[in-house]
């Protein structure tokens, strides 16, 4: 009776961290599949391939880390909904609007949470970075604004250029812009870095 039940062993299993390079590959992979499939079979074939590749990426994330972050989960849900509408209704406007919807949701959620004094970014990045309250506030404002700008940019691009050009931007433009913006936040995070408080007895 002294032994703990076998069912409780999972509670003692530490969360596994995913290597940043693997995370980048899993985010880029579905976009590359989308780009290649569009060139070979058009936007509707590409949309179906994108949906499948997104589900595969989520499955790999779960296998590696035993968890799926909120942002890729929300993005995947919107991909499945708008991808299904695109294929069923044979209207590519839905898949083109997907980045707009996702970015607008993230931007409004971040800025809205800040306005309600319930910042969400610490829950997303708090296990990776430790910042002061002011640091989280400034970073939240920047990321919230960035997501809203990307939502507007997507709307301008897909309404102004051909489908192939939009697909190329989605594949080779969105992630680099996001990475450049993220790297530009390093000075802010360094300036507002806060060492975690030591636990009693340590």
N, C-alpha and C. Protein backbone atom coordinates (compact mmCIF):
# COMPACT_ATOMS: atom_id res chain seq x y z
N UNK A 1 0.82 -1.21 0.00
CA UNK A 1 0.00 0.00 0.00
C UNK A 1 0.85 1.25 0.00
N UNK A 2 2.17 1.08 0.29
CA UNK A 2 3.04 2.25 0.34
C UNK A 2 3.37 2.78 -1.02
N UNK A 3 3.25 1.92 -2.05
CA UNK A 3 3.58 2.34 -3.40
C UNK A 3 2.49 3.24 -3.96
N UNK A 4 2.89 4.25 -4.70
CA UNK A 4 1.92 5.15 -5.34
C UNK A 4 1.26 4.44 -6.49
N UNK A 5 -0.02 4.71 -6.75
CA UNK A 5 -0.70 4.10 -7.88
C UNK A 5 0.00 4.42 -9.18
N UNK A 6 -0.05 3.44 -10.08
CA UNK A 6 0.65 3.62 -11.36
C UNK A 6 0.09 4.78 -12.15
N UNK A 7 -1.20 5.09 -11.94
CA UNK A 7 -1.82 6.15 -12.73
C UNK A 7 -1.31 7.52 -12.40
N UNK A 8 -0.58 7.68 -11.26
CA UNK A 8 -0.10 8.98 -10.86
C UNK A 8 1.29 9.31 -11.38
N UNK A 9 1.93 8.35 -12.07
CA UNK A 9 3.30 8.57 -12.53
C UNK A 9 3.38 9.69 -13.54
N UNK A 10 2.32 9.90 -14.32
CA UNK A 10 2.34 10.96 -15.35
C UNK A 10 2.45 12.33 -14.72
N UNK A 11 1.91 12.46 -13.46
CA UNK A 11 1.96 13.77 -12.82
C UNK A 11 3.39 14.17 -12.49
N UNK A 12 4.27 13.15 -12.30
CA UNK A 12 5.65 13.43 -11.94
C UNK A 12 6.56 13.53 -13.14
N UNK A 13 6.00 13.34 -14.35
CA UNK A 13 6.79 13.40 -15.56
C UNK A 13 6.99 14.86 -15.98
N UNK A 14 8.21 15.34 -16.03
CA UNK A 14 8.44 16.74 -16.39
C UNK A 14 8.05 17.00 -17.84
N UNK A 15 7.59 18.24 -18.09
CA UNK A 15 7.25 18.62 -19.46
C UNK A 15 8.51 18.65 -20.32
N UNK A 16 8.39 18.15 -21.52
CA UNK A 16 9.53 18.15 -22.43
C UNK A 16 9.51 19.44 -23.25
N UNK A 17 10.69 19.99 -23.44
CA UNK A 17 10.80 21.23 -24.22
C UNK A 17 11.18 20.90 -25.65
N UNK A 18 10.59 21.63 -26.59
CA UNK A 18 10.89 21.43 -27.99
C UNK A 18 12.03 22.35 -28.41
N UNK A 19 12.99 21.81 -29.14
CA UNK A 19 14.10 22.62 -29.63
C UNK A 19 13.56 23.70 -30.56
N UNK A 20 14.05 24.94 -30.44
CA UNK A 20 13.57 26.03 -31.31
C UNK A 20 13.65 25.70 -32.79
N UNK A 21 14.70 24.98 -33.20
CA UNK A 21 14.83 24.63 -34.62
C UNK A 21 13.71 23.71 -35.06
N UNK A 22 13.36 22.74 -34.20
CA UNK A 22 12.26 21.83 -34.52
C UNK A 22 10.94 22.58 -34.57
N UNK A 23 10.75 23.51 -33.63
CA UNK A 23 9.52 24.31 -33.62
C UNK A 23 9.38 25.11 -34.91
N UNK A 24 10.51 25.68 -35.37
CA UNK A 24 10.49 26.46 -36.61
C UNK A 24 10.15 25.57 -37.80
N UNK A 25 10.73 24.37 -37.83
CA UNK A 25 10.47 23.44 -38.93
C UNK A 25 8.99 23.04 -38.96
N UNK A 26 8.43 22.79 -37.79
CA UNK A 26 7.03 22.38 -37.73
C UNK A 26 6.08 23.51 -38.10
N UNK A 27 6.50 24.75 -37.88
CA UNK A 27 5.68 25.90 -38.29
C UNK A 27 5.83 26.17 -39.78
N UNK A 28 7.05 26.00 -40.29
CA UNK A 28 7.31 26.28 -41.70
C UNK A 28 6.83 25.15 -42.60
N UNK A 29 6.88 23.90 -42.10
CA UNK A 29 6.54 22.74 -42.92
C UNK A 29 5.19 22.84 -43.63
N UNK A 30 4.10 23.07 -42.89
CA UNK A 30 2.79 23.18 -43.56
C UNK A 30 2.74 24.31 -44.60
N UNK A 31 3.46 25.40 -44.36
CA UNK A 31 3.47 26.51 -45.32
C UNK A 31 4.18 26.09 -46.60
N UNK A 32 5.28 25.34 -46.47
CA UNK A 32 5.99 24.86 -47.66
C UNK A 32 5.11 23.89 -48.44
N UNK A 33 4.42 23.01 -47.71
CA UNK A 33 3.48 22.09 -48.37
C UNK A 33 2.41 22.87 -49.11
N UNK A 34 1.91 23.92 -48.50
CA UNK A 34 0.89 24.78 -49.11
C UNK A 34 1.42 25.40 -50.40
N UNK A 35 2.65 25.91 -50.36
CA UNK A 35 3.25 26.55 -51.52
C UNK A 35 3.46 25.56 -52.67
N UNK A 36 4.02 24.40 -52.36
CA UNK A 36 4.30 23.39 -53.39
C UNK A 36 3.00 22.86 -53.99
N UNK A 37 2.02 22.56 -53.13
CA UNK A 37 0.75 22.02 -53.61
C UNK A 37 0.01 23.04 -54.46
N UNK A 38 0.12 24.31 -54.12
CA UNK A 38 -0.53 25.35 -54.94
C UNK A 38 0.08 25.40 -56.33
N UNK A 39 1.41 25.26 -56.42
CA UNK A 39 2.07 25.28 -57.71
C UNK A 39 1.72 24.08 -58.57
N UNK A 40 1.44 22.95 -57.93
CA UNK A 40 1.16 21.73 -58.67
C UNK A 40 -0.33 21.52 -58.96
N UNK A 41 -1.18 21.91 -58.00
CA UNK A 41 -2.59 21.58 -58.18
C UNK A 41 -3.57 22.72 -57.97
N UNK A 42 -3.08 23.90 -57.65
CA UNK A 42 -3.98 25.03 -57.45
C UNK A 42 -4.36 25.22 -55.98
N UNK A 43 -5.10 26.28 -55.72
CA UNK A 43 -5.37 26.71 -54.36
C UNK A 43 -6.21 25.71 -53.57
N UNK A 44 -7.13 24.99 -54.23
CA UNK A 44 -7.99 24.07 -53.49
C UNK A 44 -7.24 22.81 -53.07
N UNK A 45 -6.39 22.31 -53.96
CA UNK A 45 -5.53 21.18 -53.59
C UNK A 45 -4.57 21.62 -52.49
N UNK A 46 -4.03 22.83 -52.62
CA UNK A 46 -3.10 23.35 -51.63
C UNK A 46 -3.77 23.49 -50.27
N UNK A 47 -5.04 23.93 -50.26
CA UNK A 47 -5.76 24.08 -49.00
C UNK A 47 -5.93 22.75 -48.29
N UNK A 48 -6.30 21.71 -49.05
CA UNK A 48 -6.46 20.38 -48.45
C UNK A 48 -5.12 19.88 -47.92
N UNK A 49 -4.06 20.07 -48.70
CA UNK A 49 -2.73 19.63 -48.25
C UNK A 49 -2.29 20.40 -47.01
N UNK A 50 -2.61 21.69 -46.97
CA UNK A 50 -2.27 22.54 -45.83
C UNK A 50 -2.96 22.05 -44.56
N UNK A 51 -4.22 21.68 -44.68
CA UNK A 51 -4.97 21.18 -43.54
C UNK A 51 -4.35 19.89 -42.99
N UNK A 52 -4.01 18.99 -43.90
CA UNK A 52 -3.42 17.71 -43.48
C UNK A 52 -2.06 17.95 -42.83
N UNK A 53 -1.24 18.80 -43.48
CA UNK A 53 0.11 19.08 -42.95
C UNK A 53 0.03 19.75 -41.59
N UNK A 54 -0.97 20.60 -41.38
CA UNK A 54 -1.13 21.26 -40.09
C UNK A 54 -1.46 20.26 -39.00
N UNK A 55 -2.34 19.30 -39.30
CA UNK A 55 -2.67 18.27 -38.32
C UNK A 55 -1.46 17.39 -38.00
N UNK A 56 -0.67 17.08 -39.03
CA UNK A 56 0.53 16.29 -38.82
C UNK A 56 1.52 17.04 -37.92
N UNK A 57 1.68 18.34 -38.18
CA UNK A 57 2.59 19.16 -37.37
C UNK A 57 2.14 19.18 -35.91
N UNK A 58 0.83 19.31 -35.68
CA UNK A 58 0.32 19.31 -34.31
C UNK A 58 0.60 17.97 -33.63
N UNK A 59 0.40 16.88 -34.38
CA UNK A 59 0.65 15.55 -33.82
C UNK A 59 2.12 15.39 -33.43
N UNK A 60 3.02 15.89 -34.27
CA UNK A 60 4.46 15.79 -33.96
C UNK A 60 4.79 16.64 -32.74
N UNK A 61 4.19 17.85 -32.66
CA UNK A 61 4.39 18.69 -31.48
C UNK A 61 4.00 17.96 -30.20
N UNK A 62 2.86 17.28 -30.27
CA UNK A 62 2.38 16.56 -29.09
C UNK A 62 3.30 15.39 -28.74
N UNK A 63 3.76 14.67 -29.75
CA UNK A 63 4.65 13.53 -29.51
C UNK A 63 5.96 13.98 -28.87
N UNK A 64 6.50 15.11 -29.35
CA UNK A 64 7.79 15.58 -28.86
C UNK A 64 7.67 16.23 -27.49
N UNK A 65 6.70 17.13 -27.32
CA UNK A 65 6.63 17.93 -26.10
C UNK A 65 5.51 17.54 -25.14
N UNK A 66 4.62 16.65 -25.58
CA UNK A 66 3.47 16.26 -24.77
C UNK A 66 2.57 17.45 -24.41
N UNK A 67 2.64 18.46 -25.26
CA UNK A 67 1.76 19.62 -25.08
C UNK A 67 1.74 20.37 -26.41
N UNK A 68 0.68 21.18 -26.61
CA UNK A 68 0.58 22.02 -27.80
C UNK A 68 0.29 23.43 -27.32
N UNK A 69 1.11 24.37 -27.75
CA UNK A 69 0.93 25.76 -27.33
C UNK A 69 -0.39 26.33 -27.86
N UNK A 70 -0.85 27.37 -27.21
CA UNK A 70 -2.15 27.94 -27.55
C UNK A 70 -2.17 28.49 -28.97
N UNK A 71 -1.12 29.20 -29.37
CA UNK A 71 -1.13 29.88 -30.66
C UNK A 71 -1.23 28.90 -31.83
N UNK A 72 -0.39 27.86 -31.92
CA UNK A 72 -0.56 26.91 -33.03
C UNK A 72 -1.87 26.16 -32.97
N UNK A 73 -2.40 25.96 -31.76
CA UNK A 73 -3.68 25.26 -31.63
C UNK A 73 -4.82 26.11 -32.20
N UNK A 74 -4.84 27.39 -31.85
CA UNK A 74 -5.87 28.30 -32.37
C UNK A 74 -5.72 28.44 -33.87
N UNK A 75 -4.48 28.61 -34.34
CA UNK A 75 -4.23 28.76 -35.77
C UNK A 75 -4.71 27.53 -36.53
N UNK A 76 -4.44 26.34 -35.98
CA UNK A 76 -4.86 25.10 -36.64
C UNK A 76 -6.38 25.00 -36.70
N UNK A 77 -7.06 25.41 -35.62
CA UNK A 77 -8.52 25.37 -35.60
C UNK A 77 -9.10 26.26 -36.70
N UNK A 78 -8.52 27.46 -36.86
CA UNK A 78 -9.00 28.38 -37.90
C UNK A 78 -8.69 27.82 -39.29
N UNK A 79 -7.52 27.17 -39.45
CA UNK A 79 -7.15 26.55 -40.72
C UNK A 79 -8.19 25.50 -41.10
N UNK A 80 -8.57 24.66 -40.14
CA UNK A 80 -9.53 23.59 -40.43
C UNK A 80 -10.90 24.15 -40.79
N UNK A 81 -11.35 25.17 -40.06
CA UNK A 81 -12.67 25.74 -40.33
C UNK A 81 -12.68 26.46 -41.68
N UNK A 82 -11.72 27.35 -41.90
CA UNK A 82 -11.71 28.14 -43.13
C UNK A 82 -11.26 27.29 -44.32
N UNK A 83 -10.42 26.31 -44.07
CA UNK A 83 -10.03 25.40 -45.14
C UNK A 83 -11.22 24.57 -45.62
N UNK A 84 -12.01 24.09 -44.68
CA UNK A 84 -13.20 23.32 -45.04
C UNK A 84 -14.18 24.17 -45.83
N UNK A 85 -14.39 25.41 -45.39
CA UNK A 85 -15.28 26.32 -46.13
C UNK A 85 -14.75 26.59 -47.53
N UNK A 86 -13.44 26.73 -47.66
CA UNK A 86 -12.83 26.98 -48.97
C UNK A 86 -13.11 25.84 -49.92
N UNK A 87 -12.91 24.60 -49.44
CA UNK A 87 -13.07 23.43 -50.31
C UNK A 87 -14.54 23.14 -50.61
N UNK A 88 -15.37 23.18 -49.58
CA UNK A 88 -16.78 22.85 -49.76
C UNK A 88 -17.48 23.87 -50.66
N UNK A 89 -17.20 25.16 -50.42
CA UNK A 89 -17.86 26.22 -51.18
C UNK A 89 -17.09 26.62 -52.43
N UNK A 90 -15.88 26.02 -52.62
CA UNK A 90 -15.03 26.37 -53.76
C UNK A 90 -14.83 27.88 -53.87
N UNK A 91 -14.49 28.46 -52.72
CA UNK A 91 -14.27 29.90 -52.64
C UNK A 91 -12.97 30.14 -51.87
N UNK A 92 -11.92 30.58 -52.58
CA UNK A 92 -10.62 30.72 -51.93
C UNK A 92 -10.51 31.95 -51.04
N UNK A 93 -11.57 32.77 -51.00
CA UNK A 93 -11.55 33.93 -50.11
C UNK A 93 -11.40 33.50 -48.64
N UNK A 94 -11.96 32.36 -48.30
CA UNK A 94 -11.93 31.91 -46.91
C UNK A 94 -10.51 31.61 -46.44
N UNK A 95 -9.75 30.85 -47.23
CA UNK A 95 -8.39 30.51 -46.81
C UNK A 95 -7.49 31.74 -46.85
N UNK A 96 -7.80 32.67 -47.74
CA UNK A 96 -7.01 33.90 -47.78
C UNK A 96 -7.28 34.80 -46.58
N UNK A 97 -8.48 34.69 -46.04
CA UNK A 97 -8.82 35.50 -44.87
C UNK A 97 -8.33 34.88 -43.57
N UNK A 98 -7.92 33.62 -43.63
CA UNK A 98 -7.49 32.92 -42.40
C UNK A 98 -6.39 33.67 -41.65
N UNK A 99 -5.29 34.12 -42.31
CA UNK A 99 -4.26 34.87 -41.56
C UNK A 99 -4.81 36.16 -40.94
N UNK A 100 -5.74 36.79 -41.63
CA UNK A 100 -6.35 38.01 -41.09
C UNK A 100 -7.07 37.70 -39.79
N UNK A 101 -7.88 36.65 -39.80
CA UNK A 101 -8.65 36.28 -38.62
C UNK A 101 -7.75 35.90 -37.46
N UNK A 102 -6.74 35.05 -37.74
CA UNK A 102 -5.85 34.58 -36.68
C UNK A 102 -5.07 35.74 -36.05
N UNK A 103 -4.48 36.59 -36.90
CA UNK A 103 -3.70 37.71 -36.39
C UNK A 103 -4.58 38.70 -35.63
N UNK A 104 -5.76 38.96 -36.15
CA UNK A 104 -6.67 39.88 -35.46
C UNK A 104 -7.08 39.31 -34.10
N UNK A 105 -7.34 38.01 -34.03
CA UNK A 105 -7.70 37.38 -32.76
C UNK A 105 -6.58 37.51 -31.74
N UNK A 106 -5.34 37.20 -32.18
CA UNK A 106 -4.20 37.29 -31.27
C UNK A 106 -3.98 38.74 -30.81
N UNK A 107 -4.04 39.67 -31.76
CA UNK A 107 -3.81 41.07 -31.43
C UNK A 107 -4.85 41.61 -30.46
N UNK A 108 -6.13 41.33 -30.74
CA UNK A 108 -7.19 41.82 -29.86
C UNK A 108 -7.15 41.14 -28.50
N UNK A 109 -6.79 39.84 -28.48
CA UNK A 109 -6.71 39.12 -27.21
C UNK A 109 -5.61 39.70 -26.34
N UNK A 110 -4.45 39.99 -26.93
CA UNK A 110 -3.34 40.53 -26.15
C UNK A 110 -3.65 41.93 -25.63
N UNK A 111 -4.09 42.81 -26.52
CA UNK A 111 -4.37 44.18 -26.11
C UNK A 111 -5.60 44.26 -25.22
N UNK A 112 -6.60 43.43 -25.50
CA UNK A 112 -7.79 43.41 -24.67
C UNK A 112 -7.50 42.90 -23.26
N UNK A 113 -6.67 41.86 -23.18
CA UNK A 113 -6.28 41.35 -21.87
C UNK A 113 -5.53 42.39 -21.07
N UNK A 114 -4.68 43.15 -21.75
CA UNK A 114 -3.93 44.21 -21.08
C UNK A 114 -4.88 45.29 -20.57
N UNK A 115 -5.86 45.64 -21.38
CA UNK A 115 -6.83 46.67 -21.02
C UNK A 115 -7.67 46.22 -19.81
N UNK A 116 -7.95 44.91 -19.74
CA UNK A 116 -8.72 44.36 -18.63
C UNK A 116 -7.85 44.02 -17.43
N UNK A 117 -6.57 44.40 -17.51
CA UNK A 117 -5.60 44.13 -16.44
C UNK A 117 -5.40 42.63 -16.23
N UNK A 118 -5.55 41.86 -17.30
CA UNK A 118 -5.29 40.42 -17.26
C UNK A 118 -4.38 40.06 -18.43
N UNK A 119 -3.12 40.49 -18.38
CA UNK A 119 -2.20 40.24 -19.50
C UNK A 119 -2.06 38.75 -19.78
N UNK A 120 -2.11 38.40 -21.06
CA UNK A 120 -2.08 36.99 -21.46
C UNK A 120 -0.69 36.52 -21.87
N UNK A 121 0.17 37.45 -22.27
CA UNK A 121 1.49 37.04 -22.77
C UNK A 121 2.32 36.28 -21.74
N UNK A 122 2.28 36.64 -20.45
CA UNK A 122 3.03 35.86 -19.47
C UNK A 122 2.61 34.39 -19.43
N UNK A 123 1.33 34.11 -19.72
CA UNK A 123 0.86 32.73 -19.72
C UNK A 123 1.40 31.96 -20.94
N UNK A 124 1.68 32.71 -22.02
CA UNK A 124 2.19 32.08 -23.24
C UNK A 124 3.69 31.90 -23.18
N UNK A 125 4.39 32.92 -22.68
CA UNK A 125 5.86 32.92 -22.70
C UNK A 125 6.49 32.86 -21.32
N UNK A 126 5.65 32.79 -20.29
CA UNK A 126 6.17 32.85 -18.93
C UNK A 126 7.09 31.71 -18.54
N UNK A 127 6.97 30.55 -19.24
CA UNK A 127 7.85 29.44 -18.92
C UNK A 127 9.17 29.52 -19.69
N UNK A 128 9.30 30.54 -20.52
CA UNK A 128 10.53 30.72 -21.31
C UNK A 128 11.28 31.96 -20.86
N UNK A 129 10.55 33.06 -20.61
CA UNK A 129 11.16 34.33 -20.22
C UNK A 129 10.62 34.77 -18.86
N UNK A 130 11.46 35.47 -18.12
CA UNK A 130 11.05 36.06 -16.84
C UNK A 130 11.28 37.56 -16.93
N UNK A 131 10.19 38.32 -17.00
CA UNK A 131 10.28 39.77 -17.17
C UNK A 131 9.59 40.49 -16.02
N UNK A 132 9.92 41.76 -15.90
CA UNK A 132 9.22 42.60 -14.93
C UNK A 132 7.81 42.88 -15.44
N UNK A 133 6.98 43.40 -14.56
CA UNK A 133 5.60 43.73 -14.96
C UNK A 133 5.60 44.74 -16.09
N UNK A 134 6.46 45.75 -16.01
CA UNK A 134 6.56 46.74 -17.07
C UNK A 134 7.04 46.11 -18.37
N UNK A 135 7.96 45.17 -18.25
CA UNK A 135 8.46 44.48 -19.44
C UNK A 135 7.37 43.71 -20.15
N UNK A 136 6.56 42.98 -19.38
CA UNK A 136 5.45 42.24 -20.00
C UNK A 136 4.45 43.19 -20.64
N UNK A 137 4.22 44.32 -19.99
CA UNK A 137 3.26 45.29 -20.53
C UNK A 137 3.74 45.83 -21.89
N UNK A 138 5.00 46.25 -21.94
CA UNK A 138 5.53 46.80 -23.18
C UNK A 138 5.59 45.73 -24.28
N UNK A 139 5.99 44.53 -23.91
CA UNK A 139 6.07 43.45 -24.90
C UNK A 139 4.69 43.08 -25.42
N UNK A 140 3.71 43.09 -24.53
CA UNK A 140 2.34 42.79 -24.94
C UNK A 140 1.81 43.82 -25.93
N UNK A 141 2.07 45.10 -25.64
CA UNK A 141 1.63 46.16 -26.55
C UNK A 141 2.28 46.00 -27.92
N UNK A 142 3.56 45.68 -27.91
CA UNK A 142 4.27 45.53 -29.19
C UNK A 142 3.75 44.35 -30.00
N UNK A 143 3.58 43.19 -29.33
CA UNK A 143 3.11 42.01 -30.05
C UNK A 143 1.65 42.17 -30.49
N UNK A 144 0.83 42.77 -29.63
CA UNK A 144 -0.55 43.00 -30.00
C UNK A 144 -0.67 43.89 -31.22
N UNK A 145 0.13 44.95 -31.24
CA UNK A 145 0.14 45.86 -32.39
C UNK A 145 0.67 45.16 -33.63
N UNK A 146 1.72 44.36 -33.45
CA UNK A 146 2.30 43.63 -34.59
C UNK A 146 1.26 42.72 -35.23
N UNK A 147 0.53 41.97 -34.42
CA UNK A 147 -0.48 41.06 -34.97
C UNK A 147 -1.56 41.81 -35.73
N UNK A 148 -1.98 42.96 -35.21
CA UNK A 148 -3.01 43.74 -35.90
C UNK A 148 -2.48 44.29 -37.23
N UNK A 149 -1.22 44.72 -37.23
CA UNK A 149 -0.61 45.21 -38.47
C UNK A 149 -0.52 44.08 -39.49
N UNK A 150 -0.16 42.88 -39.04
CA UNK A 150 -0.07 41.74 -39.96
C UNK A 150 -1.44 41.36 -40.51
N UNK A 151 -2.47 41.54 -39.69
CA UNK A 151 -3.84 41.27 -40.17
C UNK A 151 -4.20 42.23 -41.29
N UNK A 152 -3.90 43.50 -41.09
CA UNK A 152 -4.18 44.50 -42.12
C UNK A 152 -3.33 44.25 -43.37
N UNK A 153 -2.06 43.90 -43.17
CA UNK A 153 -1.16 43.63 -44.29
C UNK A 153 -1.67 42.47 -45.13
N UNK A 154 -2.15 41.41 -44.48
CA UNK A 154 -2.68 40.27 -45.23
C UNK A 154 -3.89 40.68 -46.06
N UNK A 155 -4.76 41.49 -45.47
CA UNK A 155 -5.94 41.94 -46.20
C UNK A 155 -5.53 42.74 -47.44
N UNK A 156 -4.57 43.63 -47.28
CA UNK A 156 -4.11 44.44 -48.42
C UNK A 156 -3.51 43.57 -49.51
N UNK A 157 -2.69 42.59 -49.11
CA UNK A 157 -1.98 41.77 -50.09
C UNK A 157 -2.93 40.86 -50.85
N UNK A 158 -3.78 40.10 -50.15
CA UNK A 158 -4.60 39.14 -50.88
C UNK A 158 -5.65 39.82 -51.76
N UNK A 159 -6.02 41.04 -51.41
CA UNK A 159 -6.98 41.77 -52.24
C UNK A 159 -6.31 42.52 -53.39
N UNK A 160 -4.98 42.57 -53.39
CA UNK A 160 -4.29 43.39 -54.38
C UNK A 160 -3.46 42.60 -55.40
N UNK A 161 -3.14 41.34 -55.07
CA UNK A 161 -2.25 40.58 -55.94
C UNK A 161 -2.90 39.26 -56.32
N UNK A 162 -2.20 38.50 -57.18
CA UNK A 162 -2.71 37.21 -57.62
C UNK A 162 -2.64 36.19 -56.48
N UNK A 163 -3.36 35.09 -56.65
CA UNK A 163 -3.35 34.03 -55.64
C UNK A 163 -1.95 33.46 -55.44
N UNK A 164 -1.23 33.24 -56.53
CA UNK A 164 0.13 32.68 -56.43
C UNK A 164 1.06 33.61 -55.66
N UNK A 165 0.92 34.91 -55.89
CA UNK A 165 1.76 35.88 -55.18
C UNK A 165 1.41 35.90 -53.71
N UNK A 166 0.12 35.82 -53.39
CA UNK A 166 -0.28 35.78 -51.98
C UNK A 166 0.25 34.53 -51.29
N UNK A 167 0.17 33.39 -51.97
CA UNK A 167 0.68 32.14 -51.40
C UNK A 167 2.18 32.26 -51.13
N UNK A 168 2.92 32.88 -52.06
CA UNK A 168 4.36 33.07 -51.87
C UNK A 168 4.63 33.96 -50.66
N UNK A 169 3.84 35.02 -50.50
CA UNK A 169 4.01 35.89 -49.33
C UNK A 169 3.71 35.14 -48.05
N UNK A 170 2.64 34.37 -48.04
CA UNK A 170 2.25 33.62 -46.84
C UNK A 170 3.35 32.64 -46.45
N UNK A 171 4.00 32.04 -47.47
CA UNK A 171 5.01 31.02 -47.21
C UNK A 171 6.35 31.63 -46.83
N UNK A 172 6.81 32.61 -47.62
CA UNK A 172 8.17 33.12 -47.46
C UNK A 172 8.25 34.53 -46.87
N UNK A 173 7.11 35.14 -46.61
CA UNK A 173 7.12 36.49 -46.06
C UNK A 173 6.69 36.57 -44.62
N UNK A 174 5.66 35.81 -44.25
CA UNK A 174 5.07 35.95 -42.92
C UNK A 174 6.05 35.53 -41.82
N UNK A 175 6.60 34.33 -41.92
CA UNK A 175 7.51 33.86 -40.87
C UNK A 175 8.77 34.72 -40.74
N UNK A 176 9.43 35.08 -41.86
CA UNK A 176 10.60 35.96 -41.71
C UNK A 176 10.27 37.28 -41.05
N UNK A 177 9.14 37.88 -41.40
CA UNK A 177 8.75 39.14 -40.75
C UNK A 177 8.53 38.93 -39.25
N UNK A 178 7.91 37.81 -38.90
CA UNK A 178 7.67 37.52 -37.50
C UNK A 178 8.98 37.30 -36.75
N UNK A 179 9.91 36.57 -37.36
CA UNK A 179 11.21 36.32 -36.73
C UNK A 179 12.01 37.61 -36.55
N UNK A 180 11.98 38.46 -37.57
CA UNK A 180 12.69 39.75 -37.48
C UNK A 180 12.10 40.59 -36.35
N UNK A 181 10.77 40.61 -36.27
CA UNK A 181 10.13 41.38 -35.20
C UNK A 181 10.49 40.80 -33.83
N UNK A 182 10.46 39.47 -33.73
CA UNK A 182 10.79 38.83 -32.45
C UNK A 182 12.22 39.15 -32.02
N UNK A 183 13.15 39.11 -32.97
CA UNK A 183 14.54 39.42 -32.65
C UNK A 183 14.70 40.88 -32.22
N UNK A 184 13.86 41.75 -32.80
CA UNK A 184 13.93 43.16 -32.45
C UNK A 184 13.46 43.43 -31.02
N UNK A 185 12.80 42.44 -30.41
CA UNK A 185 12.32 42.61 -29.03
C UNK A 185 13.35 42.18 -27.98
N UNK A 186 14.47 41.61 -28.44
CA UNK A 186 15.48 41.14 -27.49
C UNK A 186 16.00 42.25 -26.58
N UNK A 187 16.31 43.44 -27.12
CA UNK A 187 16.78 44.50 -26.21
C UNK A 187 15.77 44.83 -25.11
N UNK A 188 14.50 44.87 -25.47
CA UNK A 188 13.47 45.16 -24.47
C UNK A 188 13.44 44.07 -23.40
N UNK A 189 13.49 42.81 -23.83
CA UNK A 189 13.44 41.70 -22.87
C UNK A 189 14.69 41.66 -22.00
N UNK A 190 15.82 42.03 -22.57
CA UNK A 190 17.05 42.08 -21.79
C UNK A 190 16.99 43.19 -20.75
N UNK A 191 16.44 44.34 -21.17
CA UNK A 191 16.34 45.50 -20.28
C UNK A 191 15.40 45.24 -19.11
N UNK A 192 14.36 44.44 -19.36
CA UNK A 192 13.35 44.19 -18.31
C UNK A 192 13.44 42.76 -17.77
N UNK A 193 14.58 42.13 -17.96
CA UNK A 193 14.74 40.78 -17.43
C UNK A 193 14.67 40.78 -15.91
N UNK A 194 13.97 39.81 -15.36
CA UNK A 194 13.83 39.69 -13.90
C UNK A 194 14.20 38.28 -13.50
N UNK A 195 15.14 38.17 -12.59
CA UNK A 195 15.53 36.84 -12.12
C UNK A 195 14.39 36.24 -11.33
N UNK A 196 14.09 34.94 -11.53
CA UNK A 196 13.02 34.31 -10.75
C UNK A 196 13.36 34.27 -9.27
N UNK A 197 12.35 34.47 -8.46
CA UNK A 197 12.57 34.45 -7.01
C UNK A 197 12.94 33.06 -6.55
N UNK A 198 13.89 32.99 -5.61
CA UNK A 198 14.31 31.69 -5.10
C UNK A 198 13.23 31.09 -4.22
N UNK A 199 13.06 29.77 -4.36
CA UNK A 199 12.05 29.09 -3.55
C UNK A 199 12.59 28.87 -2.14
N UNK A 200 11.72 28.85 -1.13
CA UNK A 200 12.17 28.62 0.23
C UNK A 200 12.93 27.31 0.35
N UNK A 201 14.05 27.36 1.08
CA UNK A 201 14.82 26.15 1.29
C UNK A 201 15.87 25.91 0.25
N UNK A 202 15.90 26.72 -0.85
CA UNK A 202 16.90 26.54 -1.90
C UNK A 202 18.15 27.37 -1.59
